[in-house]
Amino acid sequence: MEVHFSPELEKRLNDLARQSGRPAAELVQDAVACWVDELGDTRDMLDSRYDDIKSGKVKLIPGDEAFARLRERIDARRSNSA
């Protein structure tokens, strides 16, 4: 696989490689591995939440109601800290 970077990003990557003493290719591989792991975890979480919604295990809240609840909590915190 071949990956192309903008000149600015490639310079930053090479600078970081020099500072860390690790090859740039190794830094890229580590970064991509972490990103792929995180993306997989996010996908699993979203799939699980979707299954909960489909099964009725989780009750959906209309957006306007969710924002109203959030505003109430923010106002309550502001009142308590004043």
PDB file of N, CA and C in Angstrom:
ATOM      1  N   MET A   1       0.853  -1.173   0.000  1.00  0.00           N
ATOM      2  CA  MET A   1       0.000   0.000   0.000  1.00  0.00           C
ATOM      3  C   MET A   1       0.891   1.226   0.000  1.00  0.00           C
ATOM      4  N   GLU A   2       0.449   2.225  -0.728  1.00  0.00           N
ATOM      5  CA  GLU A   2       1.200   3.462  -0.807  1.00  0.00           C
ATOM      6  C   GLU A   2       0.310   4.597  -0.322  1.00  0.00           C
ATOM      7  N   VAL A   3       0.852   5.461   0.531  1.00  0.00           N
ATOM      8  CA  VAL A   3       0.096   6.576   1.074  1.00  0.00           C
ATOM      9  C   VAL A   3       0.816   7.864   0.714  1.00  0.00           C
ATOM     10  N   HIS A   4       0.051   8.858   0.280  1.00  0.00           N
ATOM     11  CA  HIS A   4       0.630  10.158  -0.079  1.00  0.00           C
ATOM     12  C   HIS A   4       0.143  11.213   0.903  1.00  0.00           C
ATOM     13  N   PHE A   5       1.052  12.066   1.330  1.00  0.00           N
ATOM     14  CA  PHE A   5       0.743  13.131   2.270  1.00  0.00           C
ATOM     15  C   PHE A   5       1.019  14.482   1.618  1.00  0.00           C
ATOM     16  N   SER A   6       0.374  15.507   2.147  1.00  0.00           N
ATOM     17  CA  SER A   6       0.704  16.860   1.699  1.00  0.00           C
ATOM     18  C   SER A   6       2.143  17.143   2.153  1.00  0.00           C
ATOM     19  N   PRO A   7       2.825  18.049   1.470  1.00  0.00           N
ATOM     20  CA  PRO A   7       4.203  18.367   1.881  1.00  0.00           C
ATOM     21  C   PRO A   7       4.295  18.816   3.339  1.00  0.00           C
ATOM     22  N   GLU A   8       3.293  19.579   3.796  1.00  0.00           N
ATOM     23  CA  GLU A   8       3.322  20.066   5.182  1.00  0.00           C
ATOM     24  C   GLU A   8       3.219  18.909   6.174  1.00  0.00           C
ATOM     25  N   LEU A   9       2.294  17.986   5.899  1.00  0.00           N
ATOM     26  CA  LEU A   9       2.118  16.844   6.805  1.00  0.00           C
ATOM     27  C   LEU A   9       3.334  15.932   6.765  1.00  0.00           C
ATOM     28  N   GLU A  10       3.885  15.733   5.588  1.00  0.00           N
ATOM     29  CA  GLU A  10       5.079  14.890   5.478  1.00  0.00           C
ATOM     30  C   GLU A  10       6.239  15.496   6.251  1.00  0.00           C
ATOM     31  N   LYS A  11       6.387  16.825   6.194  1.00  0.00           N
ATOM     32  CA  LYS A  11       7.449  17.492   6.957  1.00  0.00           C
ATOM     33  C   LYS A  11       7.230  17.304   8.449  1.00  0.00           C
ATOM     34  N   ARG A  12       5.995  17.492   8.912  1.00  0.00           N
ATOM     35  CA  ARG A  12       5.696  17.306  10.343  1.00  0.00           C
ATOM     36  C   ARG A  12       5.985  15.877  10.771  1.00  0.00           C
ATOM     37  N   LEU A  13       5.598  14.921   9.937  1.00  0.00           N
ATOM     38  CA  LEU A  13       5.841  13.515  10.243  1.00  0.00           C
ATOM     39  C   LEU A  13       7.336  13.221  10.318  1.00  0.00           C
ATOM     40  N   ASN A  14       8.094  13.732   9.356  1.00  0.00           N
ATOM     41  CA  ASN A  14       9.537  13.510   9.362  1.00  0.00           C
ATOM     42  C   ASN A  14      10.206  14.192  10.551  1.00  0.00           C
ATOM     43  N   ASP A  15       9.728  15.384  10.913  1.00  0.00           N
ATOM     44  CA  ASP A  15      10.269  16.067  12.094  1.00  0.00           C
ATOM     45  C   ASP A  15      10.005  15.237  13.350  1.00  0.00           C
ATOM     46  N   LEU A  16       8.794  14.733  13.474  1.00  0.00           N
ATOM     47  CA  LEU A  16       8.443  13.907  14.628  1.00  0.00           C
ATOM     48  C   LEU A  16       9.269  12.618  14.656  1.00  0.00           C
ATOM     49  N   ALA A  17       9.494  12.044  13.507  1.00  0.00           N
ATOM     50  CA  ALA A  17      10.304  10.823  13.420  1.00  0.00           C
ATOM     51  C   ALA A  17      11.729  11.099  13.902  1.00  0.00           C
ATOM     52  N   ARG A  18      12.290  12.216  13.463  1.00  0.00           N
ATOM     53  CA  ARG A  18      13.647  12.571  13.908  1.00  0.00           C
ATOM     54  C   ARG A  18      13.689  12.785  15.422  1.00  0.00           C
ATOM     55  N   GLN A  19      12.679  13.510  15.945  1.00  0.00           N
ATOM     56  CA  GLN A  19      12.649  13.795  17.379  1.00  0.00           C
ATOM     57  C   GLN A  19      12.473  12.534  18.207  1.00  0.00           C
ATOM     58  N   SER A  20      11.670  11.617  17.720  1.00  0.00           N
ATOM     59  CA  SER A  20      11.379  10.408  18.495  1.00  0.00           C
ATOM     60  C   SER A  20      12.401   9.300  18.272  1.00  0.00           C
ATOM     61  N   GLY A  21      13.158   9.415  17.188  1.00  0.00           N
ATOM     62  CA  GLY A  21      14.126   8.375  16.882  1.00  0.00           C
ATOM     63  C   GLY A  21      13.484   7.128  16.268  1.00  0.00           C
ATOM     64  N   ARG A  22      12.261   7.249  15.845  1.00  0.00           N
ATOM     65  CA  ARG A  22      11.553   6.125  15.217  1.00  0.00           C
ATOM     66  C   ARG A  22      11.344   6.426  13.745  1.00  0.00           C
ATOM     67  N   PRO A  23      11.330   5.415  12.913  1.00  0.00           N
ATOM     68  CA  PRO A  23      11.084   5.650  11.489  1.00  0.00           C
ATOM     69  C   PRO A  23       9.673   6.211  11.255  1.00  0.00           C
ATOM     70  N   ALA A  24       9.563   7.099  10.268  1.00  0.00           N
ATOM     71  CA  ALA A  24       8.272   7.701   9.956  1.00  0.00           C
ATOM     72  C   ALA A  24       7.235   6.636   9.606  1.00  0.00           C
ATOM     73  N   ALA A  25       7.635   5.621   8.878  1.00  0.00           N
ATOM     74  CA  ALA A  25       6.698   4.554   8.487  1.00  0.00           C
ATOM     75  C   ALA A  25       6.134   3.849   9.717  1.00  0.00           C
ATOM     76  N   GLU A  26       6.953   3.695  10.736  1.00  0.00           N
ATOM     77  CA  GLU A  26       6.493   3.052  11.972  1.00  0.00           C
ATOM     78  C   GLU A  26       5.494   3.942  12.703  1.00  0.00           C
ATOM     79  N   LEU A  27       5.747   5.250  12.729  1.00  0.00           N
ATOM     80  CA  LEU A  27       4.809   6.179  13.351  1.00  0.00           C
ATOM     81  C   LEU A  27       3.460   6.154  12.634  1.00  0.00           C
ATOM     82  N   VAL A  28       3.503   6.132  11.310  1.00  0.00           N
ATOM     83  CA  VAL A  28       2.263   6.092  10.536  1.00  0.00           C
ATOM     84  C   VAL A  28       1.517   4.794  10.808  1.00  0.00           C
ATOM     85  N   GLN A  29       2.233   3.682  10.836  1.00  0.00           N
ATOM     86  CA  GLN A  29       1.586   2.398  11.087  1.00  0.00           C
ATOM     87  C   GLN A  29       0.938   2.377  12.471  1.00  0.00           C
ATOM     88  N   ASP A  30       1.616   2.897  13.472  1.00  0.00           N
ATOM     89  CA  ASP A  30       1.044   2.956  14.828  1.00  0.00           C
ATOM     90  C   ASP A  30      -0.201   3.837  14.862  1.00  0.00           C
ATOM     91  N   ALA A  31      -0.125   4.992  14.203  1.00  0.00           N
ATOM     92  CA  ALA A  31      -1.257   5.921  14.198  1.00  0.00           C
ATOM     93  C   ALA A  31      -2.463   5.300  13.503  1.00  0.00           C
ATOM     94  N   VAL A  32      -2.241   4.664  12.381  1.00  0.00           N
ATOM     95  CA  VAL A  32      -3.343   4.051  11.644  1.00  0.00           C
ATOM     96  C   VAL A  32      -3.922   2.888  12.443  1.00  0.00           C
ATOM     97  N   ALA A  33      -3.073   2.096  13.082  1.00  0.00           N
ATOM     98  CA  ALA A  33      -3.554   0.965  13.890  1.00  0.00           C
ATOM     99  C   ALA A  33      -4.462   1.465  15.023  1.00  0.00           C
ATOM    100  N   CYS A  34      -4.062   2.545  15.682  1.00  0.00           N
ATOM    101  CA  CYS A  34      -4.893   3.113  16.757  1.00  0.00           C
ATOM    102  C   CYS A  34      -6.217   3.623  16.195  1.00  0.00           C
ATOM    103  N   TRP A  35      -6.157   4.301  15.064  1.00  0.00           N
ATOM    104  CA  TRP A  35      -7.366   4.845  14.454  1.00  0.00           C
ATOM    105  C   TRP A  35      -8.316   3.719  14.043  1.00  0.00           C
ATOM    106  N   VAL A  36      -7.782   2.655  13.460  1.00  0.00           N
ATOM    107  CA  VAL A  36      -8.614   1.524  13.035  1.00  0.00           C
ATOM    108  C   VAL A  36      -9.250   0.863  14.254  1.00  0.00           C
ATOM    109  N   ASP A  37      -8.489   0.693  15.333  1.00  0.00           N
ATOM    110  CA  ASP A  37      -9.045   0.122  16.567  1.00  0.00           C
ATOM    111  C   ASP A  37     -10.186   0.987  17.092  1.00  0.00           C
ATOM    112  N   GLU A  38      -9.962   2.302  17.131  1.00  0.00           N
ATOM    113  CA  GLU A  38     -10.981   3.218  17.634  1.00  0.00           C
ATOM    114  C   GLU A  38     -12.213   3.207  16.735  1.00  0.00           C
ATOM    115  N   LEU A  39     -11.995   3.173  15.438  1.00  0.00           N
ATOM    116  CA  LEU A  39     -13.108   3.127  14.496  1.00  0.00           C
ATOM    117  C   LEU A  39     -13.908   1.842  14.678  1.00  0.00           C
ATOM    118  N   GLY A  40     -13.232   0.727  14.883  1.00  0.00           N
ATOM    119  CA  GLY A  40     -13.911  -0.545  15.135  1.00  0.00           C
ATOM    120  C   GLY A  40     -14.735  -0.502  16.408  1.00  0.00           C
ATOM    121  N   ASP A  41     -14.166   0.074  17.469  1.00  0.00           N
ATOM    122  CA  ASP A  41     -14.897   0.208  18.732  1.00  0.00           C
ATOM    123  C   ASP A  41     -16.134   1.088  18.564  1.00  0.00           C
ATOM    124  N   THR A  42     -15.972   2.185  17.813  1.00  0.00           N
ATOM    125  CA  THR A  42     -17.095   3.087  17.571  1.00  0.00           C
ATOM    126  C   THR A  42     -18.184   2.378  16.772  1.00  0.00           C
ATOM    127  N   ARG A  43     -17.783   1.625  15.776  1.00  0.00           N
ATOM    128  CA  ARG A  43     -18.743   0.881  14.960  1.00  0.00           C
ATOM    129  C   ARG A  43     -19.499  -0.129  15.818  1.00  0.00           C
ATOM    130  N   ASP A  44     -18.785  -0.839  16.688  1.00  0.00           N
ATOM    131  CA  ASP A  44     -19.436  -1.808  17.585  1.00  0.00           C
ATOM    132  C   ASP A  44     -20.438  -1.123  18.506  1.00  0.00           C
ATOM    133  N   MET A  45     -20.056   0.043  19.058  1.00  0.00           N
ATOM    134  CA  MET A  45     -20.939   0.777  19.954  1.00  0.00           C
ATOM    135  C   MET A  45     -22.183   1.241  19.204  1.00  0.00           C
ATOM    136  N   LEU A  46     -21.996   1.772  18.008  1.00  0.00           N
ATOM    137  CA  LEU A  46     -23.145   2.225  17.227  1.00  0.00           C
ATOM    138  C   LEU A  46     -24.075   1.077  16.857  1.00  0.00           C
ATOM    139  N   ASP A  47     -23.496  -0.058  16.472  1.00  0.00           N
ATOM    140  CA  ASP A  47     -24.312  -1.232  16.157  1.00  0.00           C
ATOM    141  C   ASP A  47     -25.116  -1.673  17.372  1.00  0.00           C
ATOM    142  N   SER A  48     -24.482  -1.662  18.537  1.00  0.00           N
ATOM    143  CA  SER A  48     -25.145  -2.070  19.772  1.00  0.00           C
ATOM    144  C   SER A  48     -26.295  -1.119  20.108  1.00  0.00           C
ATOM    145  N   ARG A  49     -26.038   0.180  19.998  1.00  0.00           N
ATOM    146  CA  ARG A  49     -27.081   1.164  20.288  1.00  0.00           C
ATOM    147  C   ARG A  49     -28.230   1.038  19.299  1.00  0.00           C
ATOM    148  N   TYR A  50     -27.916   0.802  18.035  1.00  0.00           N
ATOM    149  CA  TYR A  50     -28.958   0.639  17.027  1.00  0.00           C
ATOM    150  C   TYR A  50     -29.812  -0.591  17.358  1.00  0.00           C
ATOM    151  N   ASP A  51     -29.151  -1.676  17.760  1.00  0.00           N
ATOM    152  CA  ASP A  51     -29.891  -2.884  18.146  1.00  0.00           C
ATOM    153  C   ASP A  51     -30.797  -2.608  19.348  1.00  0.00           C
ATOM    154  N   ASP A  52     -30.293  -1.817  20.313  1.00  0.00           N
ATOM    155  CA  ASP A  52     -31.108  -1.456  21.482  1.00  0.00           C
ATOM    156  C   ASP A  52     -32.335  -0.656  21.065  1.00  0.00           C
ATOM    157  N   ILE A  53     -32.163   0.239  20.118  1.00  0.00           N
ATOM    158  CA  ILE A  53     -33.286   1.057  19.639  1.00  0.00           C
ATOM    159  C   ILE A  53     -34.292   0.182  18.899  1.00  0.00           C
ATOM    160  N   LYS A  54     -33.788  -0.665  18.001  1.00  0.00           N
ATOM    161  CA  LYS A  54     -34.684  -1.531  17.229  1.00  0.00           C
ATOM    162  C   LYS A  54     -35.487  -2.467  18.122  1.00  0.00           C
ATOM    163  N   SER A  55     -34.864  -2.965  19.186  1.00  0.00           N
ATOM    164  CA  SER A  55     -35.530  -3.921  20.064  1.00  0.00           C
ATOM    165  C   SER A  55     -36.491  -3.241  21.044  1.00  0.00           C
ATOM    166  N   GLY A  56     -36.421  -1.911  21.141  1.00  0.00           N
ATOM    167  CA  GLY A  56     -37.267  -1.191  22.081  1.00  0.00           C
ATOM    168  C   GLY A  56     -36.661  -1.081  23.465  1.00  0.00           C
ATOM    169  N   LYS A  57     -35.451  -1.591  23.631  1.00  0.00           N
ATOM    170  CA  LYS A  57     -34.768  -1.537  24.924  1.00  0.00           C
ATOM    171  C   LYS A  57     -34.475  -0.087  25.332  1.00  0.00           C
ATOM    172  N   VAL A  58     -34.265   0.766  24.343  1.00  0.00           N
ATOM    173  CA  VAL A  58     -33.970   2.168  24.584  1.00  0.00           C
ATOM    174  C   VAL A  58     -35.091   3.000  23.975  1.00  0.00           C
ATOM    175  N   LYS A  59     -35.614   3.944  24.759  1.00  0.00           N
ATOM    176  CA  LYS A  59     -36.677   4.824  24.287  1.00  0.00           C
ATOM    177  C   LYS A  59     -36.044   6.070  23.679  1.00  0.00           C
ATOM    178  N   LEU A  60     -36.450   6.392  22.467  1.00  0.00           N
ATOM    179  CA  LEU A  60     -35.933   7.593  21.814  1.00  0.00           C
ATOM    180  C   LEU A  60     -36.598   8.833  22.401  1.00  0.00           C
ATOM    181  N   ILE A  61     -35.845   9.918  22.439  1.00  0.00           N
ATOM    182  CA  ILE A  61     -36.350  11.192  22.945  1.00  0.00           C
ATOM    183  C   ILE A  61     -36.338  12.167  21.769  1.00  0.00           C
ATOM    184  N   PRO A  62     -37.456  12.832  21.499  1.00  0.00           N
ATOM    185  CA  PRO A  62     -37.471  13.826  20.421  1.00  0.00           C
ATOM    186  C   PRO A  62     -36.406  14.897  20.673  1.00  0.00           C
ATOM    187  N   GLY A  63     -35.832  15.403  19.601  1.00  0.00           N
ATOM    188  CA  GLY A  63     -34.746  16.382  19.705  1.00  0.00           C
ATOM    189  C   GLY A  63     -35.094  17.601  20.524  1.00  0.00           C
ATOM    190  N   ASP A  64     -36.301  18.148  20.322  1.00  0.00           N
ATOM    191  CA  ASP A  64     -36.660  19.360  21.073  1.00  0.00           C
ATOM    192  C   ASP A  64     -36.751  19.074  22.568  1.00  0.00           C
ATOM    193  N   GLU A  65     -37.207  17.883  22.922  1.00  0.00           N
ATOM    194  CA  GLU A  65     -37.272  17.506  24.334  1.00  0.00           C
ATOM    195  C   GLU A  65     -35.874  17.312  24.909  1.00  0.00           C
ATOM    196  N   ALA A  66     -34.993  16.689  24.124  1.00  0.00           N
ATOM    197  CA  ALA A  66     -33.612  16.476  24.583  1.00  0.00           C
ATOM    198  C   ALA A  66     -32.917  17.815  24.820  1.00  0.00           C
ATOM    199  N   PHE A  67     -33.093  18.760  23.896  1.00  0.00           N
ATOM    200  CA  PHE A  67     -32.476  20.078  24.076  1.00  0.00           C
ATOM    201  C   PHE A  67     -33.076  20.817  25.259  1.00  0.00           C
ATOM    202  N   ALA A  68     -34.378  20.680  25.474  1.00  0.00           N
ATOM    203  CA  ALA A  68     -35.020  21.331  26.631  1.00  0.00           C
ATOM    204  C   ALA A  68     -34.433  20.775  27.928  1.00  0.00           C
ATOM    205  N   ARG A  69     -34.261  19.459  27.997  1.00  0.00           N
ATOM    206  CA  ARG A  69     -33.660  18.848  29.193  1.00  0.00           C
ATOM    207  C   ARG A  69     -32.243  19.352  29.406  1.00  0.00           C
ATOM    208  N   LEU A  70     -31.498  19.438  28.331  1.00  0.00           N
ATOM    209  CA  LEU A  70     -30.121  19.916  28.416  1.00  0.00           C
ATOM    210  C   LEU A  70     -30.086  21.364  28.902  1.00  0.00           C
ATOM    211  N   ARG A  71     -30.940  22.203  28.344  1.00  0.00           N
ATOM    212  CA  ARG A  71     -30.997  23.599  28.781  1.00  0.00           C
ATOM    213  C   ARG A  71     -31.335  23.696  30.263  1.00  0.00           C
ATOM    214  N   GLU A  72     -32.285  22.872  30.732  1.00  0.00           N
ATOM    215  CA  GLU A  72     -32.653  22.880  32.155  1.00  0.00           C
ATOM    216  C   GLU A  72     -31.452  22.530  33.023  1.00  0.00           C
ATOM    217  N   ARG A  73     -30.691  21.504  32.612  1.00  0.00           N
ATOM    218  CA  ARG A  73     -29.513  21.098  33.398  1.00  0.00           C
ATOM    219  C   ARG A  73     -28.455  22.187  33.398  1.00  0.00           C
ATOM    220  N   ILE A  74     -28.261  22.826  32.259  1.00  0.00           N
ATOM    221  CA  ILE A  74     -27.267  23.912  32.182  1.00  0.00           C
ATOM    222  C   ILE A  74     -27.715  25.078  33.071  1.00  0.00           C
ATOM    223  N   ASP A  75     -28.981  25.445  32.989  1.00  0.00           N
ATOM    224  CA  ASP A  75     -29.494  26.541  33.822  1.00  0.00           C
ATOM    225  C   ASP A  75     -29.386  26.213  35.301  1.00  0.00           C
ATOM    226  N   ALA A  76     -29.662  24.962  35.674  1.00  0.00           N
ATOM    227  CA  ALA A  76     -29.564  24.546  37.068  1.00  0.00           C
ATOM    228  C   ALA A  76     -28.124  24.649  37.566  1.00  0.00           C
ATOM    229  N   ARG A  77     -27.165  24.245  36.737  1.00  0.00           N
ATOM    230  CA  ARG A  77     -25.753  24.349  37.130  1.00  0.00           C
ATOM    231  C   ARG A  77     -25.340  25.795  37.282  1.00  0.00           C
ATOM    232  N   ARG A  78     -25.780  26.625  36.360  1.00  0.00           N
ATOM    233  CA  ARG A  78     -25.447  28.044  36.452  1.00  0.00           C
ATOM    234  C   ARG A  78     -26.029  28.671  37.709  1.00  0.00           C
ATOM    235  N   SER A  79     -27.249  28.284  38.056  1.00  0.00           N
ATOM    236  CA  SER A  79     -27.899  28.811  39.259  1.00  0.00           C
ATOM    237  C   SER A  79     -27.167  28.363  40.515  1.00  0.00           C
ATOM    238  N   ASN A  80     -26.696  27.122  40.524  1.00  0.00           N
ATOM    239  CA  ASN A  80     -25.993  26.587  41.693  1.00  0.00           C
ATOM    240  C   ASN A  80     -24.608  27.183  41.870  1.00  0.00           C
ATOM    241  N   SER A  81     -23.974  27.579  40.768  1.00  0.00           N
ATOM    242  CA  SER A  81     -22.613  28.115  40.875  1.00  0.00           C
ATOM    243  C   SER A  81     -22.607  29.612  41.099  1.00  0.00           C
ATOM    244  N   ALA A  82     -23.749  30.245  40.994  1.00  0.00           N
ATOM    245  CA  ALA A  82     -23.807  31.713  41.177  1.00  0.00           C
ATOM    246  C   ALA A  82     -23.940  32.102  42.615  1.00  0.00           C
TER     247      ALA A  82
END
